[in-house]
Amino acid sequence: MTSYIFPVLLQILGLVVIVVEIFVPSLGLLSVIAAGILFYSLYLVFTTISFTMGMVFLGVDILMIPVVLVLGFKALGASSLSLHKKLSSKEGVSSQAPDLVSWKGKKGEAITDLRPSGTVMIEKKRLDAVTDGEYVDAGTPVVVTLVSGNRIVVDKIE
């Protein structure tokens, strides 16, 4: 019975080192150490105890390592080491400049060819704009159809 204690302790230590690797980036050094500990434990079991117990230990490793990895990453997500702040509009964060929304529906003129991106002049202001894929010649009248993020989509006026 005492011959099992050291390999079992090595197995537990190897699993703990895997969890530590998740929390402490070591460029894979801790992963190599964990693999070495686990393989040494398996070597001890196969050579000193029996082939059957070695297969049992190997089977337990095959089951436990993925479980430990999943639980370790879940623990990392819940720990203070990970970013818990979510950016939302309720907190005043906006991914779109507030003044861009006012351009929707306004008419102007294409200063450059829009193929499909280019420059338009709306209310004496130059704006970068795109079309929905159609080519628009310079000098063509356009209307803003969509403002999404910082992207202004225009369509030519027929």
C-alpha atoms as a PDB file:
ATOM      1  CA  MET A   1       0.000   0.000   0.000  1.00  0.00           C
ATOM      2  CA  THR A   2       2.844   2.406   0.766  1.00  0.00           C
ATOM      3  CA  SER A   3       4.230   1.929  -2.734  1.00  0.00           C
ATOM      4  CA  TYR A   4       1.128   3.709  -4.078  1.00  0.00           C
ATOM      5  CA  ILE A   5       1.509   6.831  -1.944  1.00  0.00           C
ATOM      6  CA  PHE A   6       4.440   8.447  -3.744  1.00  0.00           C
ATOM      7  CA  PRO A   7       3.029   8.016  -7.289  1.00  0.00           C
ATOM      8  CA  VAL A   8      -0.393   9.278  -6.130  1.00  0.00           C
ATOM      9  CA  LEU A   9       1.252  12.335  -4.552  1.00  0.00           C
ATOM     10  CA  LEU A  10       3.169  12.934  -7.783  1.00  0.00           C
ATOM     11  CA  GLN A  11      -0.081  12.691  -9.756  1.00  0.00           C
ATOM     12  CA  ILE A  12      -1.745  15.259  -7.479  1.00  0.00           C
ATOM     13  CA  LEU A  13       1.318  17.522  -7.695  1.00  0.00           C
ATOM     14  CA  GLY A  14       1.262  17.283 -11.496  1.00  0.00           C
ATOM     15  CA  LEU A  15      -2.408  18.318 -11.584  1.00  0.00           C
ATOM     16  CA  VAL A  16      -1.711  21.222  -9.213  1.00  0.00           C
ATOM     17  CA  VAL A  17       1.148  22.401 -11.446  1.00  0.00           C
ATOM     18  CA  ILE A  18      -1.241  22.327 -14.428  1.00  0.00           C
ATOM     19  CA  VAL A  19      -3.633  24.637 -12.543  1.00  0.00           C
ATOM     20  CA  VAL A  20      -0.738  26.920 -11.579  1.00  0.00           C
ATOM     21  CA  GLU A  21       0.246  27.099 -15.273  1.00  0.00           C
ATOM     22  CA  ILE A  22      -3.236  28.422 -16.054  1.00  0.00           C
ATOM     23  CA  PHE A  23      -2.873  31.270 -13.540  1.00  0.00           C
ATOM     24  CA  VAL A  24       0.853  32.002 -13.938  1.00  0.00           C
ATOM     25  CA  PRO A  25       2.030  32.282 -17.554  1.00  0.00           C
ATOM     26  CA  SER A  26       5.439  30.650 -17.809  1.00  0.00           C
ATOM     27  CA  LEU A  27       5.777  30.179 -21.568  1.00  0.00           C
ATOM     28  CA  GLY A  28       5.075  26.463 -21.110  1.00  0.00           C
ATOM     29  CA  LEU A  29       7.783  25.798 -18.535  1.00  0.00           C
ATOM     30  CA  LEU A  30       5.256  24.749 -15.895  1.00  0.00           C
ATOM     31  CA  SER A  31       3.484  22.574 -18.456  1.00  0.00           C
ATOM     32  CA  VAL A  32       6.731  20.745 -19.171  1.00  0.00           C
ATOM     33  CA  ILE A  33       7.302  20.315 -15.427  1.00  0.00           C
ATOM     34  CA  ALA A  34       3.740  19.005 -14.952  1.00  0.00           C
ATOM     35  CA  ALA A  35       4.176  16.561 -17.844  1.00  0.00           C
ATOM     36  CA  GLY A  36       7.499  15.395 -16.383  1.00  0.00           C
ATOM     37  CA  ILE A  37       5.947  14.834 -12.953  1.00  0.00           C
ATOM     38  CA  LEU A  38       2.999  12.923 -14.416  1.00  0.00           C
ATOM     39  CA  PHE A  39       5.201  10.785 -16.668  1.00  0.00           C
ATOM     40  CA  TYR A  40       7.606  10.031 -13.805  1.00  0.00           C
ATOM     41  CA  SER A  41       4.661   8.965 -11.667  1.00  0.00           C
ATOM     42  CA  LEU A  42       3.444   6.664 -14.444  1.00  0.00           C
ATOM     43  CA  TYR A  43       6.982   5.301 -14.876  1.00  0.00           C
ATOM     44  CA  LEU A  44       7.141   4.475 -11.149  1.00  0.00           C
ATOM     45  CA  VAL A  45       3.775   2.731 -11.220  1.00  0.00           C
ATOM     46  CA  PHE A  46       4.579   0.690 -14.332  1.00  0.00           C
ATOM     47  CA  THR A  47       8.041  -0.368 -13.121  1.00  0.00           C
ATOM     48  CA  THR A  48       7.553  -0.840  -9.367  1.00  0.00           C
ATOM     49  CA  ILE A  49       3.902  -1.806  -8.897  1.00  0.00           C
ATOM     50  CA  SER A  50       2.342  -3.474 -11.953  1.00  0.00           C
ATOM     51  CA  PHE A  51       1.335  -3.014 -15.539  1.00  0.00           C
ATOM     52  CA  THR A  52      -2.364  -3.186 -14.599  1.00  0.00           C
ATOM     53  CA  MET A  53      -2.044  -0.407 -12.016  1.00  0.00           C
ATOM     54  CA  GLY A  54      -0.064   1.608 -14.553  1.00  0.00           C
ATOM     55  CA  MET A  55      -2.987   1.342 -16.954  1.00  0.00           C
ATOM     56  CA  VAL A  56      -5.373   2.389 -14.162  1.00  0.00           C
ATOM     57  CA  PHE A  57      -3.224   5.447 -13.415  1.00  0.00           C
ATOM     58  CA  LEU A  58      -3.043   6.250 -17.130  1.00  0.00           C
ATOM     59  CA  GLY A  59      -6.820   5.991 -17.437  1.00  0.00           C
ATOM     60  CA  VAL A  60      -7.298   8.284 -14.444  1.00  0.00           C
ATOM     61  CA  ASP A  61      -4.875  10.782 -16.018  1.00  0.00           C
ATOM     62  CA  ILE A  62      -6.756  10.694 -19.323  1.00  0.00           C
ATOM     63  CA  LEU A  63      -9.972  11.534 -17.444  1.00  0.00           C
ATOM     64  CA  MET A  64      -8.609  13.965 -14.861  1.00  0.00           C
ATOM     65  CA  ILE A  65      -6.376  16.222 -16.959  1.00  0.00           C
ATOM     66  CA  PRO A  66      -9.228  17.600 -19.130  1.00  0.00           C
ATOM     67  CA  VAL A  67     -11.417  18.013 -16.027  1.00  0.00           C
ATOM     68  CA  VAL A  68      -8.652  19.913 -14.230  1.00  0.00           C
ATOM     69  CA  LEU A  69      -8.078  22.105 -17.305  1.00  0.00           C
ATOM     70  CA  VAL A  70     -11.769  23.002 -17.624  1.00  0.00           C
ATOM     71  CA  LEU A  71     -12.134  23.710 -13.909  1.00  0.00           C
ATOM     72  CA  GLY A  72      -8.892  25.722 -13.939  1.00  0.00           C
ATOM     73  CA  PHE A  73     -10.056  27.937 -16.791  1.00  0.00           C
ATOM     74  CA  LYS A  74     -13.442  28.428 -15.123  1.00  0.00           C
ATOM     75  CA  ALA A  75     -11.654  29.406 -11.932  1.00  0.00           C
ATOM     76  CA  LEU A  76      -9.494  31.831 -13.913  1.00  0.00           C
ATOM     77  CA  GLY A  77     -12.629  33.446 -15.346  1.00  0.00           C
ATOM     78  CA  ALA A  78     -14.062  33.892 -11.858  1.00  0.00           C
ATOM     79  CA  SER A  79     -10.815  35.106 -10.279  1.00  0.00           C
ATOM     80  CA  SER A  80      -9.659  38.663  -9.791  1.00  0.00           C
ATOM     81  CA  LEU A  81      -6.905  38.030 -12.361  1.00  0.00           C
ATOM     82  CA  SER A  82      -9.366  38.282 -15.229  1.00  0.00           C
ATOM     83  CA  LEU A  83     -11.164  41.307 -16.592  1.00  0.00           C
ATOM     84  CA  HIS A  84     -14.712  41.543 -15.232  1.00  0.00           C
ATOM     85  CA  LYS A  85     -15.525  45.014 -16.513  1.00  0.00           C
ATOM     86  CA  LYS A  86     -18.027  45.092 -19.336  1.00  0.00           C
ATOM     87  CA  LEU A  87     -18.296  48.205 -21.433  1.00  0.00           C
ATOM     88  CA  SER A  88     -21.886  49.235 -22.022  1.00  0.00           C
ATOM     89  CA  SER A  89     -23.850  52.248 -23.124  1.00  0.00           C
ATOM     90  CA  LYS A  90     -25.455  52.413 -19.657  1.00  0.00           C
ATOM     91  CA  GLU A  91     -22.045  53.373 -18.305  1.00  0.00           C
ATOM     92  CA  GLY A  92     -21.549  56.052 -20.931  1.00  0.00           C
ATOM     93  CA  VAL A  93     -19.444  54.025 -23.359  1.00  0.00           C
ATOM     94  CA  SER A  94     -20.358  54.460 -26.986  1.00  0.00           C
ATOM     95  CA  SER A  95     -18.767  52.901 -30.016  1.00  0.00           C
ATOM     96  CA  GLN A  96     -20.225  55.574 -32.242  1.00  0.00           C
ATOM     97  CA  ALA A  97     -19.509  59.277 -32.214  1.00  0.00           C
ATOM     98  CA  PRO A  98     -22.750  60.990 -31.133  1.00  0.00           C
ATOM     99  CA  ASP A  99     -22.574  63.589 -33.902  1.00  0.00           C
ATOM    100  CA  LEU A 100     -22.541  60.915 -36.631  1.00  0.00           C
ATOM    101  CA  VAL A 101     -26.132  59.855 -35.937  1.00  0.00           C
ATOM    102  CA  SER A 102     -27.350  63.271 -37.032  1.00  0.00           C
ATOM    103  CA  TRP A 103     -26.046  62.687 -40.587  1.00  0.00           C
ATOM    104  CA  LYS A 104     -28.646  60.010 -41.364  1.00  0.00           C
ATOM    105  CA  GLY A 105     -31.054  61.175 -44.077  1.00  0.00           C
ATOM    106  CA  LYS A 106     -28.961  64.213 -45.056  1.00  0.00           C
ATOM    107  CA  LYS A 107     -28.124  64.884 -48.683  1.00  0.00           C
ATOM    108  CA  GLY A 108     -24.831  65.862 -50.195  1.00  0.00           C
ATOM    109  CA  GLU A 109     -22.488  65.231 -53.069  1.00  0.00           C
ATOM    110  CA  ALA A 110     -19.701  62.745 -53.735  1.00  0.00           C
ATOM    111  CA  ILE A 111     -16.391  64.638 -53.899  1.00  0.00           C
ATOM    112  CA  THR A 112     -14.399  61.606 -55.009  1.00  0.00           C
ATOM    113  CA  ASP A 113     -15.441  58.451 -56.784  1.00  0.00           C
ATOM    114  CA  LEU A 114     -16.983  56.044 -54.301  1.00  0.00           C
ATOM    115  CA  ARG A 115     -15.672  52.597 -55.208  1.00  0.00           C
ATOM    116  CA  PRO A 116     -17.219  51.770 -52.764  1.00  0.00           C
ATOM    117  CA  SER A 117     -15.461  54.117 -50.329  1.00  0.00           C
ATOM    118  CA  GLY A 118     -14.529  57.730 -50.783  1.00  0.00           C
ATOM    119  CA  THR A 119     -15.319  61.260 -49.631  1.00  0.00           C
ATOM    120  CA  VAL A 120     -18.627  63.092 -49.669  1.00  0.00           C
ATOM    121  CA  MET A 121     -19.524  66.700 -48.898  1.00  0.00           C
ATOM    122  CA  ILE A 122     -22.589  67.135 -46.698  1.00  0.00           C
ATOM    123  CA  GLU A 123     -23.493  70.573 -45.325  1.00  0.00           C
ATOM    124  CA  LYS A 124     -20.031  71.910 -46.266  1.00  0.00           C
ATOM    125  CA  LYS A 125     -18.299  69.164 -44.307  1.00  0.00           C
ATOM    126  CA  ARG A 126     -16.082  66.472 -45.829  1.00  0.00           C
ATOM    127  CA  LEU A 127     -16.924  62.974 -44.575  1.00  0.00           C
ATOM    128  CA  ASP A 128     -15.515  59.555 -45.338  1.00  0.00           C
ATOM    129  CA  ALA A 129     -18.325  57.364 -46.623  1.00  0.00           C
ATOM    130  CA  VAL A 130     -19.016  54.028 -48.277  1.00  0.00           C
ATOM    131  CA  THR A 131     -21.721  52.668 -50.534  1.00  0.00           C
ATOM    132  CA  ASP A 132     -23.381  49.266 -50.367  1.00  0.00           C
ATOM    133  CA  GLY A 133     -20.987  48.097 -53.057  1.00  0.00           C
ATOM    134  CA  GLU A 134     -22.087  50.172 -56.008  1.00  0.00           C
ATOM    135  CA  TYR A 135     -19.773  52.555 -57.837  1.00  0.00           C
ATOM    136  CA  VAL A 136     -20.692  56.255 -57.571  1.00  0.00           C
ATOM    137  CA  ASP A 137     -18.993  58.901 -59.722  1.00  0.00           C
ATOM    138  CA  ALA A 138     -17.626  62.115 -58.220  1.00  0.00           C
ATOM    139  CA  GLY A 139     -20.192  64.911 -58.359  1.00  0.00           C
ATOM    140  CA  THR A 140     -23.176  62.580 -57.967  1.00  0.00           C
ATOM    141  CA  PRO A 141     -25.802  63.612 -55.391  1.00  0.00           C
ATOM    142  CA  VAL A 142     -25.959  61.175 -52.448  1.00  0.00           C
ATOM    143  CA  VAL A 143     -28.044  60.629 -49.321  1.00  0.00           C
ATOM    144  CA  VAL A 144     -26.893  59.043 -46.039  1.00  0.00           C
ATOM    145  CA  THR A 145     -28.869  55.828 -45.583  1.00  0.00           C
ATOM    146  CA  LEU A 146     -27.131  54.278 -42.595  1.00  0.00           C
ATOM    147  CA  VAL A 147     -24.756  55.261 -39.816  1.00  0.00           C
ATOM    148  CA  SER A 148     -23.252  52.203 -38.144  1.00  0.00           C
ATOM    149  CA  GLY A 149     -20.455  52.737 -35.660  1.00  0.00           C
ATOM    150  CA  ASN A 150     -18.126  55.189 -37.360  1.00  0.00           C
ATOM    151  CA  ARG A 151     -19.201  54.099 -40.832  1.00  0.00           C
ATOM    152  CA  ILE A 152     -21.400  56.333 -42.951  1.00  0.00           C
ATOM    153  CA  VAL A 153     -23.231  54.536 -45.773  1.00  0.00           C
ATOM    154  CA  VAL A 154     -24.536  56.600 -48.671  1.00  0.00           C
ATOM    155  CA  ASP A 155     -26.667  55.864 -51.709  1.00  0.00           C
ATOM    156  CA  LYS A 156     -26.849  57.889 -54.894  1.00  0.00           C
ATOM    157  CA  ILE A 157     -29.973  59.936 -55.497  1.00  0.00           C
ATOM    158  CA  GLU A 158     -31.591  58.962 -58.786  1.00  0.00           C
END
